[in-house]
Amino acid sequence: MILTQLNCTLNKKKLHRFTIMATKYFFATLLLFLLACQPALQAVPSSAYQNQNQPEETNPCAAVSCLAGQICENGECICSKGTKMCDGQCIAEHICCDNNDCNSEDFCNNGTCEPVSCEYGQQAKDGECVCAENMKYCSEQRKCISKESCCVFSMCSEYDRCVETLWRTHLCFELPNKTTCKAVGDNDQTVLFSLEGEDFRVSTKRWYSDERIMFSINNEDITIPTHAKIPYNQTELQDLSLYHEGIIVLGGFCKPDETD
């Protein structure tokens, strides 16, 4: 009986010892398995090492010097916001740089788009004056004339001559009690007006497409719109006004040459 109990006690101790050993083996095996599944550790260089081996970033604008009103961007000088480049300088965006910044009937004058003042028979195109439709330029007469008009005598037959195109108007000097009108043309002639003992020598300098005419009166320039009265104060006469009656076109045809 005692021997049986002794054997039983020994078997329990062996079983307990085996259990402990098996548990340790299991956990050891599990630990090895987990370690085998971990990724290999990589050496990561420190930030100081990285900065030492990377090339230094350079500032492309460091050595660039821009003019006033410009800024540097990627090594180039450009105009700042709200401005634009014009002949190497920055100007405000609302200011015109050249005729391309204006509409076809205007031109750029000191940064402002202004209407083009064309000669009679011309029209504005892309900021410049050109002959209007159905007109041609006659260099001999220095103006645009009708395409159907003769420009030089060679356009006429052998025994004909070309009557040059003439622009003419009637300029009127108006006093309260009297109005004097005379024909004035673009043929470089001077017309004399005599009013109450005072003389006025009149010629024309420019004829505009809107029928304004620039007159020279006693060597003083005055521009008069068509059918508009302009007070004239360069005189001792009281209440003197000027106006013209519009532009008429004469000539431009061939006629038989006069013989003696």
Protein backbone atom coordinates (compact mmCIF):
# COMPACT_ATOMS: atom_id res chain seq x y z
CA MET A 1 0.00 0.00 0.00
CA ILE A 2 2.73 2.44 0.97
CA LEU A 3 4.70 1.46 -2.12
CA THR A 4 1.77 2.15 -4.35
CA GLN A 5 1.31 5.65 -2.92
CA LEU A 6 5.02 6.33 -3.32
CA ASN A 7 4.91 5.36 -7.01
CA CYS A 8 1.88 7.55 -7.54
CA THR A 9 3.60 10.54 -5.97
CA LEU A 10 6.68 10.04 -8.16
CA ASN A 11 4.56 9.87 -11.30
CA LYS A 12 2.84 13.14 -10.45
CA LYS A 13 6.15 14.87 -9.98
CA LYS A 14 7.40 13.59 -13.32
CA LEU A 15 4.22 14.72 -15.04
CA HIS A 16 4.49 18.19 -13.49
CA ARG A 17 8.13 18.44 -14.49
CA PHE A 18 7.29 17.36 -18.04
CA THR A 19 4.51 19.89 -18.25
CA ILE A 20 6.81 22.72 -17.22
CA MET A 21 9.47 21.65 -19.74
CA ALA A 22 6.91 21.34 -22.55
CA THR A 23 5.53 24.80 -21.79
CA LYS A 24 9.00 26.35 -21.85
CA TYR A 25 9.76 24.57 -25.14
CA PHE A 26 6.51 25.83 -26.68
CA PHE A 27 7.15 29.42 -25.74
CA ALA A 28 10.75 29.21 -26.87
CA THR A 29 9.65 27.82 -30.21
CA LEU A 30 6.98 30.51 -30.54
CA LEU A 31 9.51 33.23 -29.77
CA LEU A 32 11.90 31.94 -32.42
CA PHE A 33 9.07 31.83 -34.93
CA LEU A 34 8.05 35.41 -34.23
CA LEU A 35 11.62 36.64 -34.49
CA ALA A 36 12.01 34.89 -37.83
CA CYS A 37 8.95 36.74 -39.19
CA GLN A 38 10.22 40.24 -38.27
CA PRO A 39 11.74 42.31 -41.22
CA ALA A 40 15.43 42.82 -41.17
CA LEU A 41 16.43 45.94 -39.35
CA GLN A 42 17.92 48.67 -41.54
CA ALA A 43 20.38 51.22 -40.47
CA VAL A 44 18.92 54.71 -40.91
CA PRO A 45 21.44 57.48 -41.20
CA SER A 46 20.99 60.43 -38.92
CA SER A 47 19.73 63.79 -40.26
CA ALA A 48 23.16 65.26 -39.86
CA TYR A 49 24.62 62.51 -42.04
CA GLN A 50 21.90 62.98 -44.65
CA ASN A 51 22.41 66.75 -44.86
CA GLN A 52 26.13 66.20 -45.18
CA ASN A 53 25.75 64.03 -48.28
CA GLN A 54 22.89 65.88 -50.03
CA PRO A 55 23.76 68.79 -52.40
CA GLU A 56 22.88 72.23 -51.10
CA GLU A 57 19.86 73.93 -52.75
CA THR A 58 20.81 77.13 -54.62
CA ASN A 59 18.63 80.23 -54.91
CA PRO A 60 18.29 81.11 -58.64
CA CYS A 61 17.54 84.73 -57.73
CA ALA A 62 20.53 85.18 -55.42
CA ALA A 63 22.71 86.84 -58.05
CA VAL A 64 19.89 88.53 -60.02
CA SER A 65 19.35 92.28 -59.70
CA CYS A 66 16.01 93.55 -61.04
CA LEU A 67 14.99 97.07 -61.96
CA ALA A 68 12.56 99.08 -59.88
CA GLY A 69 9.05 97.65 -60.07
CA GLN A 70 10.28 94.17 -61.02
CA ILE A 71 10.61 90.97 -59.01
CA CYS A 72 12.76 87.90 -59.55
CA GLU A 73 11.10 84.57 -60.24
CA ASN A 74 13.10 81.45 -61.14
CA GLY A 75 16.10 83.59 -61.96
CA GLU A 76 14.25 86.00 -64.27
CA CYS A 77 12.99 89.52 -63.69
CA ILE A 78 9.25 89.93 -64.24
CA CYS A 79 6.77 92.69 -63.58
CA SER A 80 4.92 92.58 -60.30
CA LYS A 81 1.18 92.05 -60.08
CA GLY A 82 -0.90 94.79 -61.67
CA THR A 83 1.86 95.85 -64.07
CA LYS A 84 3.09 94.75 -67.49
CA MET A 85 6.30 94.99 -69.49
CA CYS A 86 6.69 97.87 -71.95
CA ASP A 87 10.03 98.55 -73.67
CA GLY A 88 11.98 96.99 -70.81
CA GLN A 89 10.07 98.78 -68.05
CA CYS A 90 7.01 97.89 -65.99
CA ILE A 91 3.94 100.07 -66.41
CA ALA A 92 0.43 99.86 -64.97
CA GLU A 93 -1.82 97.40 -66.80
CA HIS A 94 -4.40 100.11 -67.65
CA ILE A 95 -1.78 102.19 -69.48
CA CYS A 96 -1.25 101.47 -73.18
CA CYS A 97 2.25 100.55 -74.33
CA ASP A 98 1.66 100.76 -78.09
CA ASN A 99 -1.18 100.76 -80.61
CA ASN A 100 -1.79 97.04 -80.03
CA ASP A 101 -3.24 97.92 -76.62
CA CYS A 102 -5.89 100.18 -78.22
CA ASN A 103 -8.83 99.47 -80.50
CA SER A 104 -8.48 99.80 -84.25
CA GLU A 105 -9.69 103.42 -84.31
CA ASP A 106 -7.36 104.70 -81.58
CA PHE A 107 -3.63 105.12 -81.15
CA CYS A 108 -1.43 105.10 -78.05
CA ASN A 109 -0.32 108.60 -77.09
CA ASN A 110 1.86 108.80 -73.94
CA GLY A 111 0.08 105.85 -72.32
CA THR A 112 -3.46 106.90 -73.29
CA CYS A 113 -5.55 105.52 -76.15
CA GLU A 114 -6.82 108.46 -78.19
CA PRO A 115 -8.86 108.65 -81.38
CA VAL A 116 -6.78 108.81 -84.54
CA SER A 117 -7.21 112.09 -86.40
CA CYS A 118 -7.11 111.04 -90.03
CA GLU A 119 -7.05 113.26 -93.07
CA TYR A 120 -10.10 113.66 -95.24
CA GLY A 121 -10.56 110.53 -97.38
CA GLN A 122 -8.82 108.32 -94.80
CA GLN A 123 -9.96 106.01 -92.03
CA ALA A 124 -8.29 104.59 -88.93
CA LYS A 125 -7.11 100.98 -88.99
CA ASP A 126 -4.99 99.36 -86.26
CA GLY A 127 -4.03 102.76 -84.93
CA GLU A 128 -2.94 104.13 -88.30
CA CYS A 129 -4.59 106.14 -91.04
CA VAL A 130 -5.18 104.46 -94.40
CA CYS A 131 -7.21 105.41 -97.43
CA ALA A 132 -10.90 104.71 -96.94
CA GLU A 133 -12.80 102.20 -99.07
CA ASN A 134 -13.13 103.20 -102.73
CA MET A 135 -10.19 105.58 -102.22
CA LYS A 136 -6.55 105.40 -103.34
CA TYR A 137 -3.45 107.33 -102.38
CA CYS A 138 -2.06 109.76 -104.94
CA SER A 139 1.51 110.66 -104.02
CA GLU A 140 1.61 113.48 -106.58
CA GLN A 141 -1.35 115.17 -104.87
CA ARG A 142 -0.31 113.96 -101.38
CA LYS A 143 -3.79 112.73 -100.41
CA CYS A 144 -6.36 109.98 -100.85
CA ILE A 145 -8.62 110.46 -103.85
CA SER A 146 -11.44 108.47 -105.39
CA LYS A 147 -10.34 105.29 -107.18
CA GLU A 148 -12.16 106.59 -110.23
CA SER A 149 -10.27 109.90 -110.26
CA CYS A 150 -7.12 110.55 -112.21
CA CYS A 151 -3.96 111.07 -110.20
CA VAL A 152 -1.53 112.23 -112.92
CA PHE A 153 -1.79 113.25 -116.56
CA SER A 154 -0.50 109.85 -117.72
CA MET A 155 -3.84 108.36 -116.64
CA CYS A 156 -5.56 110.45 -119.29
CA SER A 157 -5.51 110.14 -123.06
CA GLU A 158 -2.79 111.70 -125.16
CA TYR A 159 -4.39 115.12 -125.60
CA ASP A 160 -6.06 115.34 -122.19
CA ARG A 161 -4.80 116.55 -118.85
CA CYS A 162 -5.73 115.54 -115.31
CA VAL A 163 -7.67 118.06 -113.26
CA GLU A 164 -6.43 117.43 -109.72
CA THR A 165 -8.86 116.64 -106.95
CA LEU A 166 -9.59 119.78 -104.93
CA TRP A 167 -11.16 120.02 -101.49
CA ARG A 168 -13.06 123.21 -100.94
CA THR A 169 -15.24 124.84 -98.33
CA HIS A 170 -16.82 128.20 -97.67
CA LEU A 171 -15.44 129.93 -94.59
CA CYS A 172 -17.72 132.55 -93.07
CA PHE A 173 -16.92 135.52 -90.84
CA GLU A 174 -20.09 136.47 -89.02
CA LEU A 175 -20.67 139.79 -87.28
CA PRO A 176 -23.97 140.84 -85.71
CA ASN A 177 -24.79 143.01 -88.73
CA LYS A 178 -22.91 141.26 -91.54
CA THR A 179 -21.68 137.83 -92.70
CA THR A 180 -18.90 137.39 -95.26
CA CYS A 181 -18.23 133.95 -96.81
CA LYS A 182 -15.49 133.01 -99.27
CA ALA A 183 -14.30 129.79 -100.88
CA VAL A 184 -11.12 128.31 -99.42
CA GLY A 185 -9.39 125.22 -100.84
CA ASP A 186 -6.50 122.89 -100.10
CA ASN A 187 -4.44 124.31 -102.97
CA ASP A 188 -2.06 126.33 -100.75
CA GLN A 189 -3.69 129.62 -101.67
CA THR A 190 -4.34 132.47 -99.24
CA VAL A 191 -7.73 134.16 -99.21
CA LEU A 192 -8.11 137.72 -97.91
CA PHE A 193 -11.09 138.78 -95.80
CA SER A 194 -11.54 142.50 -95.06
CA LEU A 195 -14.01 143.37 -92.32
CA GLU A 196 -14.54 146.93 -91.13
CA GLY A 197 -11.02 147.97 -91.91
CA GLU A 198 -9.34 144.85 -90.53
CA ASP A 199 -7.71 142.22 -92.77
CA PHE A 200 -7.69 138.47 -92.19
CA ARG A 201 -5.43 136.28 -94.34
CA VAL A 202 -6.76 132.72 -94.42
CA SER A 203 -5.31 129.43 -95.66
CA THR A 204 -5.92 125.79 -94.72
CA LYS A 205 -3.51 123.40 -93.00
CA ARG A 206 -5.42 120.18 -92.33
CA TRP A 207 -8.64 118.60 -93.55
CA TYR A 208 -9.96 115.85 -91.26
CA SER A 209 -12.09 112.81 -92.02
CA ASP A 210 -14.85 114.11 -89.69
CA GLU A 211 -14.90 117.34 -91.77
CA ARG A 212 -13.09 119.46 -89.21
CA ILE A 213 -10.74 121.89 -90.91
CA MET A 214 -7.68 123.55 -89.44
CA PHE A 215 -7.38 127.09 -90.75
CA SER A 216 -4.48 129.49 -90.45
CA ILE A 217 -5.84 133.00 -89.83
CA ASN A 218 -3.17 135.68 -89.67
CA ASN A 219 -0.67 132.90 -88.83
CA GLU A 220 -2.80 131.64 -85.92
CA ASP A 221 -4.17 128.06 -86.14
CA ILE A 222 -7.83 127.41 -85.39
CA THR A 223 -9.78 124.16 -85.98
CA ILE A 224 -13.45 124.51 -86.85
CA PRO A 225 -15.95 121.61 -86.97
CA THR A 226 -18.42 121.56 -89.82
CA HIS A 227 -21.51 123.77 -89.32
CA ALA A 228 -20.34 124.87 -85.86
CA LYS A 229 -19.80 128.52 -84.93
CA ILE A 230 -16.57 129.32 -83.10
CA PRO A 231 -16.05 132.66 -81.34
CA TYR A 232 -12.98 134.44 -82.69
CA ASN A 233 -11.31 136.74 -80.18
CA GLN A 234 -8.01 137.49 -81.94
CA THR A 235 -9.40 140.78 -83.18
CA GLU A 236 -10.71 144.14 -82.04
CA LEU A 237 -14.05 143.40 -83.68
CA GLN A 238 -16.83 142.58 -81.26
CA ASP A 239 -18.87 139.35 -81.41
CA LEU A 240 -17.05 137.87 -84.39
CA SER A 241 -17.77 134.18 -85.08
CA LEU A 242 -16.39 131.74 -87.63
CA TYR A 243 -17.91 128.71 -89.31
CA HIS A 244 -17.54 126.71 -92.50
CA GLU A 245 -20.18 125.06 -94.66
CA GLY A 246 -18.70 121.58 -95.08
CA ILE A 247 -16.30 119.98 -97.55
CA ILE A 248 -17.03 119.55 -101.23
CA VAL A 249 -14.80 117.61 -103.66
CA LEU A 250 -14.01 119.01 -107.08
CA GLY A 251 -11.86 117.85 -109.99
CA GLY A 252 -10.40 114.37 -110.34
CA PHE A 253 -11.21 114.02 -114.05
CA CYS A 254 -9.50 114.26 -117.42
CA LYS A 255 -10.29 117.11 -119.78
CA PRO A 256 -8.88 118.25 -123.13
CA ASP A 257 -5.68 120.16 -122.73
CA GLU A 258 -6.08 123.83 -123.58
CA THR A 259 -3.92 125.09 -126.44
CA ASP A 260 -2.91 128.63 -127.24
